[in-house]
């Protein structure tokens, strides 16, 4: 495939140096450089993370999904106690 690419002067100089060093065509140097560059663009392996466990304040039988409901009930009980004391 033919295409036109405008290279920065420093990139063109690096390619010319590689042509002279390897004694291969300009086309070969460009193709090899593109292949090497694109080979590293695949999915990267995720770094593992160590998670330390700790003793939780949650008690067995407490449904963590219902904590907000429990907090609302506690607040309602507190408000009811205050209302009873005022009357």
PDB file of N, CA and C in Angstrom:
ATOM      1  N   UNK A   1       0.841  -1.169   0.000  1.00  0.00           N
ATOM      2  CA  UNK A   1       0.000   0.000   0.000  1.00  0.00           C
ATOM      3  C   UNK A   1       0.889   1.237   0.000  1.00  0.00           C
ATOM      4  N   UNK A   2       0.511   2.181  -0.802  1.00  0.00           N
ATOM      5  CA  UNK A   2       1.250   3.442  -0.832  1.00  0.00           C
ATOM      6  C   UNK A   2       0.477   4.492  -0.057  1.00  0.00           C
ATOM      7  N   UNK A   3       1.220   5.276   0.693  1.00  0.00           N
ATOM      8  CA  UNK A   3       0.611   6.396   1.407  1.00  0.00           C
ATOM      9  C   UNK A   3       1.668   7.468   1.592  1.00  0.00           C
ATOM     10  N   UNK A   4       1.224   8.676   1.860  1.00  0.00           N
ATOM     11  CA  UNK A   4       2.148   9.783   2.084  1.00  0.00           C
ATOM     12  C   UNK A   4       2.094  10.158   3.554  1.00  0.00           C
ATOM     13  N   UNK A   5       3.268  10.242   4.155  1.00  0.00           N
ATOM     14  CA  UNK A   5       3.370  10.608   5.563  1.00  0.00           C
ATOM     15  C   UNK A   5       4.373  11.740   5.673  1.00  0.00           C
ATOM     16  N   UNK A   6       4.031  12.761   6.435  1.00  0.00           N
ATOM     17  CA  UNK A   6       4.963  13.857   6.677  1.00  0.00           C
ATOM     18  C   UNK A   6       5.662  13.592   8.002  1.00  0.00           C
ATOM     19  N   UNK A   7       6.970  13.412   7.935  1.00  0.00           N
ATOM     20  CA  UNK A   7       7.757  13.099   9.126  1.00  0.00           C
ATOM     21  C   UNK A   7       8.384  14.360   9.688  1.00  0.00           C
ATOM     22  N   UNK A   8       8.481  14.416  10.995  1.00  0.00           N
ATOM     23  CA  UNK A   8       9.223  15.497  11.628  1.00  0.00           C
ATOM     24  C   UNK A   8      10.693  15.319  11.269  1.00  0.00           C
ATOM     25  N   UNK A   9      11.449  16.415  11.177  1.00  0.00           N
ATOM     26  CA  UNK A   9      12.860  16.314  10.786  1.00  0.00           C
ATOM     27  C   UNK A   9      13.679  15.377  11.681  1.00  0.00           C
ATOM     28  N   UNK A  10      13.431  15.407  12.989  1.00  0.00           N
ATOM     29  CA  UNK A  10      14.206  14.535  13.880  1.00  0.00           C
ATOM     30  C   UNK A  10      13.870  13.062  13.651  1.00  0.00           C
ATOM     31  N   UNK A  11      12.599  12.764  13.359  1.00  0.00           N
ATOM     32  CA  UNK A  11      12.198  11.385  13.080  1.00  0.00           C
ATOM     33  C   UNK A  11      12.814  10.899  11.778  1.00  0.00           C
ATOM     34  N   UNK A  12      12.807  11.739  10.757  1.00  0.00           N
ATOM     35  CA  UNK A  12      13.406  11.376   9.471  1.00  0.00           C
ATOM     36  C   UNK A  12      14.899  11.108   9.636  1.00  0.00           C
ATOM     37  N   UNK A  13      15.566  11.917  10.454  1.00  0.00           N
ATOM     38  CA  UNK A  13      17.001  11.721  10.686  1.00  0.00           C
ATOM     39  C   UNK A  13      17.258  10.385  11.383  1.00  0.00           C
ATOM     40  N   UNK A  14      16.421  10.039  12.356  1.00  0.00           N
ATOM     41  CA  UNK A  14      16.577   8.750  13.038  1.00  0.00           C
ATOM     42  C   UNK A  14      16.391   7.591  12.068  1.00  0.00           C
ATOM     43  N   UNK A  15      15.409   7.709  11.179  1.00  0.00           N
ATOM     44  CA  UNK A  15      15.171   6.654  10.195  1.00  0.00           C
ATOM     45  C   UNK A  15      16.348   6.518   9.238  1.00  0.00           C
ATOM     46  N   UNK A  16      16.900   7.647   8.784  1.00  0.00           N
ATOM     47  CA  UNK A  16      18.046   7.597   7.866  1.00  0.00           C
ATOM     48  C   UNK A  16      19.256   6.949   8.542  1.00  0.00           C
ATOM     49  N   UNK A  17      19.458   7.264   9.826  1.00  0.00           N
ATOM     50  CA  UNK A  17      20.570   6.647  10.556  1.00  0.00           C
ATOM     51  C   UNK A  17      20.378   5.135  10.658  1.00  0.00           C
ATOM     52  N   UNK A  18      19.136   4.704  10.875  1.00  0.00           N
ATOM     53  CA  UNK A  18      18.850   3.273  10.986  1.00  0.00           C
ATOM     54  C   UNK A  18      19.048   2.574   9.644  1.00  0.00           C
ATOM     55  N   UNK A  19      18.681   3.255   8.539  1.00  0.00           N
ATOM     56  CA  UNK A  19      18.904   2.697   7.190  1.00  0.00           C
ATOM     57  C   UNK A  19      20.393   2.459   6.982  1.00  0.00           C
ATOM     58  N   UNK A  20      21.208   3.450   7.341  1.00  0.00           N
ATOM     59  CA  UNK A  20      22.654   3.331   7.157  1.00  0.00           C
ATOM     60  C   UNK A  20      23.246   2.252   8.067  1.00  0.00           C
ATOM     61  N   UNK A  21      22.751   2.166   9.282  1.00  0.00           N
ATOM     62  CA  UNK A  21      23.287   1.197  10.236  1.00  0.00           C
ATOM     63  C   UNK A  21      22.959  -0.237   9.826  1.00  0.00           C
ATOM     64  N   UNK A  22      21.732  -0.472   9.369  1.00  0.00           N
ATOM     65  CA  UNK A  22      21.285  -1.835   9.063  1.00  0.00           C
ATOM     66  C   UNK A  22      21.489  -2.229   7.605  1.00  0.00           C
ATOM     67  N   UNK A  23      21.761  -1.253   6.758  1.00  0.00           N
ATOM     68  CA  UNK A  23      21.927  -1.509   5.314  1.00  0.00           C
ATOM     69  C   UNK A  23      20.676  -2.156   4.713  1.00  0.00           C
ATOM     70  N   UNK A  24      19.525  -1.578   5.047  1.00  0.00           N
ATOM     71  CA  UNK A  24      18.250  -2.031   4.476  1.00  0.00           C
ATOM     72  C   UNK A  24      17.531  -0.814   3.916  1.00  0.00           C
ATOM     73  N   UNK A  25      16.408  -1.051   3.243  1.00  0.00           N
ATOM     74  CA  UNK A  25      15.679   0.056   2.619  1.00  0.00           C
ATOM     75  C   UNK A  25      14.952   0.908   3.667  1.00  0.00           C
ATOM     76  N   UNK A  26      14.670   2.136   3.258  1.00  0.00           N
ATOM     77  CA  UNK A  26      13.914   3.070   4.084  1.00  0.00           C
ATOM     78  C   UNK A  26      12.553   2.457   4.419  1.00  0.00           C
ATOM     79  N   UNK A  27      11.935   1.843   3.407  1.00  0.00           N
ATOM     80  CA  UNK A  27      10.640   1.195   3.584  1.00  0.00           C
ATOM     81  C   UNK A  27      10.711   0.128   4.672  1.00  0.00           C
ATOM     82  N   UNK A  28      11.768  -0.679   4.652  1.00  0.00           N
ATOM     83  CA  UNK A  28      11.915  -1.754   5.640  1.00  0.00           C
ATOM     84  C   UNK A  28      12.057  -1.192   7.049  1.00  0.00           C
ATOM     85  N   UNK A  29      12.835  -0.131   7.183  1.00  0.00           N
ATOM     86  CA  UNK A  29      13.033   0.478   8.505  1.00  0.00           C
ATOM     87  C   UNK A  29      11.712   1.029   9.040  1.00  0.00           C
ATOM     88  N   UNK A  30      10.949   1.702   8.176  1.00  0.00           N
ATOM     89  CA  UNK A  30       9.657   2.256   8.604  1.00  0.00           C
ATOM     90  C   UNK A  30       8.696   1.134   9.000  1.00  0.00           C
ATOM     91  N   UNK A  31       8.582   0.104   8.166  1.00  0.00           N
ATOM     92  CA  UNK A  31       7.684  -1.010   8.483  1.00  0.00           C
ATOM     93  C   UNK A  31       8.070  -1.686   9.799  1.00  0.00           C
ATOM     94  N   UNK A  32       9.364  -1.920  10.004  1.00  0.00           N
ATOM     95  CA  UNK A  32       9.813  -2.553  11.246  1.00  0.00           C
ATOM     96  C   UNK A  32       9.499  -1.675  12.462  1.00  0.00           C
ATOM     97  N   UNK A  33       9.729  -0.376  12.321  1.00  0.00           N
ATOM     98  CA  UNK A  33       9.475   0.545  13.434  1.00  0.00           C
ATOM     99  C   UNK A  33       7.982   0.596  13.771  1.00  0.00           C
ATOM    100  N   UNK A  34       7.142   0.617  12.755  1.00  0.00           N
ATOM    101  CA  UNK A  34       5.693   0.642  12.991  1.00  0.00           C
ATOM    102  C   UNK A  34       5.243  -0.656  13.650  1.00  0.00           C
ATOM    103  N   UNK A  35       5.746  -1.782  13.168  1.00  0.00           N
ATOM    104  CA  UNK A  35       5.374  -3.068  13.776  1.00  0.00           C
ATOM    105  C   UNK A  35       5.769  -3.120  15.255  1.00  0.00           C
ATOM    106  N   UNK A  36       6.999  -2.701  15.554  1.00  0.00           N
ATOM    107  CA  UNK A  36       7.451  -2.711  16.954  1.00  0.00           C
ATOM    108  C   UNK A  36       6.609  -1.763  17.802  1.00  0.00           C
ATOM    109  N   UNK A  37       6.314  -0.608  17.255  1.00  0.00           N
ATOM    110  CA  UNK A  37       5.523   0.370  18.007  1.00  0.00           C
ATOM    111  C   UNK A  37       4.106  -0.087  18.274  1.00  0.00           C
ATOM    112  N   UNK A  38       3.477  -0.686  17.271  1.00  0.00           N
ATOM    113  CA  UNK A  38       2.092  -1.121  17.435  1.00  0.00           C
ATOM    114  C   UNK A  38       1.967  -2.410  18.232  1.00  0.00           C
ATOM    115  N   UNK A  39       3.008  -3.207  18.283  1.00  0.00           N
ATOM    116  CA  UNK A  39       2.955  -4.467  19.031  1.00  0.00           C
ATOM    117  C   UNK A  39       2.727  -4.214  20.517  1.00  0.00           C
ATOM    118  N   UNK A  40       3.196  -3.103  21.027  1.00  0.00           N
ATOM    119  CA  UNK A  40       3.044  -2.795  22.447  1.00  0.00           C
ATOM    120  C   UNK A  40       1.741  -2.122  22.802  1.00  0.00           C
ATOM    121  N   UNK A  41       0.837  -1.952  21.841  1.00  0.00           N
ATOM    122  CA  UNK A  41      -0.410  -1.247  22.113  1.00  0.00           C
ATOM    123  C   UNK A  41      -1.555  -2.153  22.534  1.00  0.00           C
ATOM    124  N   UNK A  42      -1.326  -3.446  22.624  1.00  0.00           N
ATOM    125  CA  UNK A  42      -2.384  -4.379  23.007  1.00  0.00           C
ATOM    126  C   UNK A  42      -2.782  -4.197  24.459  1.00  0.00           C
ATOM    127  N   UNK A  43      -3.721  -5.023  24.912  1.00  0.00           N
ATOM    128  CA  UNK A  43      -4.144  -4.922  26.308  1.00  0.00           C
ATOM    129  C   UNK A  43      -2.979  -5.200  27.250  1.00  0.00           C
ATOM    130  N   UNK A  44      -2.891  -4.391  28.273  1.00  0.00           N
ATOM    131  CA  UNK A  44      -1.791  -4.543  29.228  1.00  0.00           C
ATOM    132  C   UNK A  44      -2.252  -5.354  30.429  1.00  0.00           C
ATOM    133  N   UNK A  45      -1.326  -6.100  30.988  1.00  0.00           N
ATOM    134  CA  UNK A  45      -1.625  -6.897  32.170  1.00  0.00           C
ATOM    135  C   UNK A  45      -1.818  -5.949  33.349  1.00  0.00           C
ATOM    136  N   UNK A  46      -2.890  -6.161  34.073  1.00  0.00           N
ATOM    137  CA  UNK A  46      -3.147  -5.318  35.234  1.00  0.00           C
ATOM    138  C   UNK A  46      -2.212  -5.691  36.366  1.00  0.00           C
ATOM    139  N   UNK A  47      -1.814  -4.685  37.091  1.00  0.00           N
ATOM    140  CA  UNK A  47      -0.933  -4.903  38.222  1.00  0.00           C
ATOM    141  C   UNK A  47      -1.772  -5.401  39.395  1.00  0.00           C
ATOM    142  N   UNK A  48      -1.293  -6.420  40.082  1.00  0.00           N
ATOM    143  CA  UNK A  48      -2.049  -6.945  41.215  1.00  0.00           C
ATOM    144  C   UNK A  48      -1.890  -6.019  42.418  1.00  0.00           C
ATOM    145  N   UNK A  49      -2.927  -6.000  43.230  1.00  0.00           N
ATOM    146  CA  UNK A  49      -2.944  -5.155  44.414  1.00  0.00           C
ATOM    147  C   UNK A  49      -3.269  -6.031  45.617  1.00  0.00           C
ATOM    148  N   UNK A  50      -2.524  -5.874  46.682  1.00  0.00           N
ATOM    149  CA  UNK A  50      -2.788  -6.640  47.894  1.00  0.00           C
ATOM    150  C   UNK A  50      -3.774  -5.863  48.755  1.00  0.00           C
ATOM    151  N   UNK A  51      -4.846  -6.528  49.156  1.00  0.00           N
ATOM    152  CA  UNK A  51      -5.858  -5.910  50.007  1.00  0.00           C
ATOM    153  C   UNK A  51      -5.770  -6.564  51.379  1.00  0.00           C
ATOM    154  N   UNK A  52      -5.564  -5.745  52.386  1.00  0.00           N
ATOM    155  CA  UNK A  52      -5.436  -6.262  53.742  1.00  0.00           C
ATOM    156  C   UNK A  52      -6.808  -6.309  54.406  1.00  0.00           C
ATOM    157  N   UNK A  53      -7.113  -7.427  55.035  1.00  0.00           N
ATOM    158  CA  UNK A  53      -8.384  -7.571  55.746  1.00  0.00           C
ATOM    159  C   UNK A  53      -8.253  -6.966  57.138  1.00  0.00           C
ATOM    160  N   UNK A  54      -9.365  -6.505  57.684  1.00  0.00           N
ATOM    161  CA  UNK A  54      -9.374  -5.980  59.038  1.00  0.00           C
ATOM    162  C   UNK A  54     -10.678  -6.381  59.712  1.00  0.00           C
ATOM    163  N   UNK A  55     -10.668  -6.353  61.019  1.00  0.00           N
ATOM    164  CA  UNK A  55     -11.863  -6.708  61.770  1.00  0.00           C
ATOM    165  C   UNK A  55     -12.885  -5.590  61.582  1.00  0.00           C
ATOM    166  N   UNK A  56     -14.079  -5.971  61.206  1.00  0.00           N
ATOM    167  CA  UNK A  56     -15.127  -5.003  60.902  1.00  0.00           C
ATOM    168  C   UNK A  56     -16.041  -4.794  62.099  1.00  0.00           C
ATOM    169  N   UNK A  57     -16.644  -3.640  62.151  1.00  0.00           N
ATOM    170  CA  UNK A  57     -17.617  -3.348  63.202  1.00  0.00           C
ATOM    171  C   UNK A  57     -18.962  -3.996  62.912  1.00  0.00           C
ATOM    172  N   UNK A  58     -19.167  -4.483  61.696  1.00  0.00           N
ATOM    173  CA  UNK A  58     -20.425  -5.141  61.350  1.00  0.00           C
ATOM    174  C   UNK A  58     -20.545  -6.447  62.115  1.00  0.00           C
ATOM    175  N   UNK A  59     -21.728  -6.724  62.586  1.00  0.00           N
ATOM    176  CA  UNK A  59     -21.998  -7.954  63.317  1.00  0.00           C
ATOM    177  C   UNK A  59     -22.666  -8.962  62.399  1.00  0.00           C
ATOM    178  N   UNK A  60     -22.494 -10.250  62.675  1.00  0.00           N
ATOM    179  CA  UNK A  60     -23.180 -11.253  61.859  1.00  0.00           C
ATOM    180  C   UNK A  60     -24.689 -11.012  61.907  1.00  0.00           C
ATOM    181  N   UNK A  61     -25.328 -11.160  60.782  1.00  0.00           N
ATOM    182  CA  UNK A  61     -26.771 -10.962  60.707  1.00  0.00           C
ATOM    183  C   UNK A  61     -27.172  -9.564  60.292  1.00  0.00           C
ATOM    184  N   UNK A  62     -26.235  -8.630  60.237  1.00  0.00           N
ATOM    185  CA  UNK A  62     -26.554  -7.270  59.798  1.00  0.00           C
ATOM    186  C   UNK A  62     -26.459  -7.235  58.284  1.00  0.00           C
ATOM    187  N   UNK A  63     -27.555  -6.869  57.667  1.00  0.00           N
ATOM    188  CA  UNK A  63     -27.594  -6.786  56.209  1.00  0.00           C
ATOM    189  C   UNK A  63     -27.044  -5.421  55.803  1.00  0.00           C
ATOM    190  N   UNK A  64     -25.899  -5.402  55.216  1.00  0.00           N
ATOM    191  CA  UNK A  64     -25.250  -4.139  54.848  1.00  0.00           C
ATOM    192  C   UNK A  64     -26.096  -3.321  53.888  1.00  0.00           C
ATOM    193  N   UNK A  65     -26.942  -3.985  53.134  1.00  0.00           N
ATOM    194  CA  UNK A  65     -27.796  -3.265  52.184  1.00  0.00           C
ATOM    195  C   UNK A  65     -28.918  -2.523  52.899  1.00  0.00           C
ATOM    196  N   UNK A  66     -29.202  -2.892  54.160  1.00  0.00           N
ATOM    197  CA  UNK A  66     -30.292  -2.262  54.896  1.00  0.00           C
ATOM    198  C   UNK A  66     -29.785  -1.260  55.927  1.00  0.00           C
ATOM    199  N   UNK A  67     -28.532  -0.908  55.896  1.00  0.00           N
ATOM    200  CA  UNK A  67     -27.984   0.004  56.901  1.00  0.00           C
ATOM    201  C   UNK A  67     -28.664   1.367  56.872  1.00  0.00           C
ATOM    202  N   UNK A  68     -28.971   1.883  55.695  1.00  0.00           N
ATOM    203  CA  UNK A  68     -29.636   3.184  55.619  1.00  0.00           C
ATOM    204  C   UNK A  68     -31.028   3.102  56.245  1.00  0.00           C
ATOM    205  N   UNK A  69     -31.734   2.017  55.991  1.00  0.00           N
ATOM    206  CA  UNK A  69     -33.058   1.833  56.588  1.00  0.00           C
ATOM    207  C   UNK A  69     -32.935   1.783  58.113  1.00  0.00           C
ATOM    208  N   UNK A  70     -31.919   1.077  58.610  1.00  0.00           N
ATOM    209  CA  UNK A  70     -31.710   1.005  60.057  1.00  0.00           C
ATOM    210  C   UNK A  70     -31.401   2.382  60.627  1.00  0.00           C
ATOM    211  N   UNK A  71     -30.580   3.158  59.933  1.00  0.00           N
ATOM    212  CA  UNK A  71     -30.251   4.505  60.391  1.00  0.00           C
ATOM    213  C   UNK A  71     -31.504   5.370  60.433  1.00  0.00           C
ATOM    214  N   UNK A  72     -32.367   5.241  59.437  1.00  0.00           N
ATOM    215  CA  UNK A  72     -33.621   5.998  59.419  1.00  0.00           C
ATOM    216  C   UNK A  72     -34.512   5.602  60.592  1.00  0.00           C
ATOM    217  N   UNK A  73     -34.569   4.306  60.891  1.00  0.00           N
ATOM    218  CA  UNK A  73     -35.395   3.831  62.006  1.00  0.00           C
ATOM    219  C   UNK A  73     -34.859   4.347  63.339  1.00  0.00           C
ATOM    220  N   UNK A  74     -33.551   4.345  63.513  1.00  0.00           N
ATOM    221  CA  UNK A  74     -32.944   4.857  64.744  1.00  0.00           C
ATOM    222  C   UNK A  74     -33.254   6.336  64.900  1.00  0.00           C
ATOM    223  N   UNK A  75     -33.133   7.089  63.814  1.00  0.00           N
ATOM    224  CA  UNK A  75     -33.428   8.517  63.860  1.00  0.00           C
ATOM    225  C   UNK A  75     -34.900   8.756  64.191  1.00  0.00           C
ATOM    226  N   UNK A  76     -35.790   7.968  63.611  1.00  0.00           N
ATOM    227  CA  UNK A  76     -37.224   8.111  63.892  1.00  0.00           C
ATOM    228  C   UNK A  76     -37.511   7.801  65.358  1.00  0.00           C
ATOM    229  N   UNK A  77     -36.880   6.760  65.902  1.00  0.00           N
ATOM    230  CA  UNK A  77     -37.061   6.434  67.321  1.00  0.00           C
ATOM    231  C   UNK A  77     -36.570   7.575  68.204  1.00  0.00           C
ATOM    232  N   UNK A  78     -35.438   8.153  67.868  1.00  0.00           N
ATOM    233  CA  UNK A  78     -34.883   9.260  68.643  1.00  0.00           C
ATOM    234  C   UNK A  78     -35.819  10.457  68.610  1.00  0.00           C
ATOM    235  N   UNK A  79     -36.349  10.762  67.426  1.00  0.00           N
ATOM    236  CA  UNK A  79     -37.288  11.877  67.299  1.00  0.00           C
ATOM    237  C   UNK A  79     -38.564  11.614  68.095  1.00  0.00           C
ATOM    238  N   UNK A  80     -39.026  10.366  68.095  1.00  0.00           N
ATOM    239  CA  UNK A  80     -40.231  10.018  68.855  1.00  0.00           C
ATOM    240  C   UNK A  80     -39.972  10.171  70.351  1.00  0.00           C
ATOM    241  N   UNK A  81     -38.788   9.759  70.821  1.00  0.00           N
ATOM    242  CA  UNK A  81     -38.440   9.917  72.236  1.00  0.00           C
ATOM    243  C   UNK A  81     -38.416  11.388  72.621  1.00  0.00           C
ATOM    244  N   UNK A  82     -37.868  12.236  71.781  1.00  0.00           N
ATOM    245  CA  UNK A  82     -37.817  13.677  72.057  1.00  0.00           C
ATOM    246  C   UNK A  82     -39.230  14.255  72.131  1.00  0.00           C
ATOM    247  N   UNK A  83     -40.076  13.830  71.224  1.00  0.00           N
ATOM    248  CA  UNK A  83     -41.456  14.328  71.209  1.00  0.00           C
ATOM    249  C   UNK A  83     -42.194  13.903  72.473  1.00  0.00           C
ATOM    250  N   UNK A  84     -41.948  12.677  72.936  1.00  0.00           N
ATOM    251  CA  UNK A  84     -42.605  12.181  74.152  1.00  0.00           C
ATOM    252  C   UNK A  84     -42.155  12.979  75.373  1.00  0.00           C
ATOM    253  N   UNK A  85     -40.878  13.334  75.427  1.00  0.00           N
ATOM    254  CA  UNK A  85     -40.353  14.089  76.569  1.00  0.00           C
ATOM    255  C   UNK A  85     -40.927  15.497  76.614  1.00  0.00           C
ATOM    256  N   UNK A  86     -41.196  16.075  75.463  1.00  0.00           N
ATOM    257  CA  UNK A  86     -41.727  17.442  75.392  1.00  0.00           C
ATOM    258  C   UNK A  86     -43.188  17.502  75.827  1.00  0.00           C
ATOM    259  N   UNK A  87     -43.917  16.435  75.630  1.00  0.00           N
ATOM    260  CA  UNK A  87     -45.353  16.502  75.932  1.00  0.00           C
ATOM    261  C   UNK A  87     -45.692  16.150  77.350  1.00  0.00           C
TER     262      UNK A  87
END
